[in-house]
Amino acid sequence: MNLNLDSILQLTSACRPVHLVRQRLLKEDASDEDFLDLARACGTKPCSAVLLSGGPSHPDDCNRYSVAGWDPFMTFTSKESSCKVRLLDQVHSFDENPLDVMDKLLAGFQPDFPLITPPFSGGALGYFAYDLKSSIETLPRTARDDLDLPDIFLLWPRKILVHDRLQGHLQLLTLELDGEDREQAPPTDEEEISFTGEEGSLSSNPLKVGELQSNFSHEAYLQAVRKVRHYIREGDVYQVNLSQRYRFSFEGDPFRLWESLFNMNPAPFYAFIHAEDHQVLSTSMERFLYRQGSKIETRPIKGTRKRGQSSEEDRALSRNLLQDPKDDAELSMIVDLLRNDLGRVCKPRSIRVAEHKRLESYQNVHHLVSIVTGILEPGATCGDLLRGTFPGGSITGCPKIRSMEIIDELEPNVRHVYTGAIGYLGWHESLDLNVAIRTAIISKGTCYFSVGGGIVHDSREEDEYQETLHKGRTLFQLIEKIGERKSTS
């Protein structure tokens, strides 16, 4: 059915309320494993999302909560200006600006209950592909779109599982759109907990991977790095994040692969999105945008060192990172870029660098992180926020628009979700999106993932190529090992 957006809003009766049917505390002292045991069944269902946090949790940190959502009453996908809304059992297609549609859908369905389970008690879960940039800015489109996947995929779940990792509380919410008649009896306790009736059911078939292939030849990547350095010398940019994309055939359960990666290396932002005909598997340490009420926060990362083999070596590497002038300059540059981006949607003089060059240590690496905050202008929407800041400056370059033009010129294929954003947009003035780094897409029996790095004037071309090769092979070999281990267990 082809309709315009006004017709869609008439179908939704302007502001259609969503009711809380049931709230249930499943466990008071739940672990990450308890959450995963239940979310595992959620992840096997089309149109579902699991946002999993890992590592030690603190009250003010970005890995306190894990969220899963499934059984949506509505989904929204867009490709450039082509938009599709599936509301209950009807699909409506039309051409509109996708961020305008998103804002109207968020406003058109509102809860008649307060925030029950911080940080998310309903709204949208999903992803924003990097290529959404072309709906925000006027940019060239020379990179090949061989996957033809959505720029936006969002789902509004009826069932929401929230784990407060600090308090241990694991809660399940059941929502219902006003006026819908699902013609079914309320679920029993057992059905509600197990979701599918097969709690944690995953395929037992072994993971199988094919040959690893890149969309760059060795010489082509060196040439691309040379071209970036030429643009830097000419004064076009200070830095460009250049990536190459790998692919390999994949057989097996995508959720099992994602869960195995989490168990090997937990991070604050793990995400699994089941988007029907493709799945997104992501792990990130970088928060792109966080909203709580009128407060906005972003946490850019620049600067990385591996963890040491001994305590002494580890301390030396972290000191080197903190004292390195190149890493300091890169982080400071991105902080200034993000301050400027937030300035488009925040109150004047409200933007602050709350913390600069904070050392964060993870299982395999140390990172430098800054925290930039601001106060959102009254009436600013999620779409306004994304228009002002998307995609994140830490994974494009500086200045951002010229960097994106160069990326499109030099990278053979569009990035899709890689370096876009994943997370939730809550009804209760809440939002949390991460930068989609270390992200894979599984589509039609093939796994795609990209790796890259920031190119500056002093970059050595061969070193940059070898770094991406190492990152790509490391992940590929890790997946191979997981498959070997699963096939022998």
Foldseek 3Di string as FASTA:
>chain_A
DEDALVVVLVVLVQAWEKEWPDKDFPDFAAALVLVCLQCLVQLVDFFKKKKAADDDDDPPDLQQKIKIFDDFQWKWFAAQQWIWICHRNDIYIYGDLVLVSLQSVLRNYFYPDADPDPPFDWFKFWFAWLVNVVSQDPFDFQAAAPPPGTRTIIGTGQWMWMARNVRNTIMIIGMGTPPDDPPDDDDDPCCNRCVVNNGNDFDLDFKDKFDKDKPDDLVLLLVLLVVVLVCVVVVNFFKFWAKIKIKIFIDGTPVVLLVVVCVVFGESTWMWHNNPQKIKTFDDNFWAWKWDAQKIKGKDWFFKDWADPDPVVRVVRQVCRLPPVVRLVLQVQLVVLVQQLVVQFFDPPFKDFPAFQDWDDTDTMIIGMTMIMGGGDPPQTPSSSCSSQPQRCNNGHPPRRSSVNSNSVRHNHRQTRQQTWGTGDHSNRITIIGGGARMWMAGPRMIMHMDTGMRGNPDDSSVRVVVRVVVVVVVVVVSVVSSVVSVVD
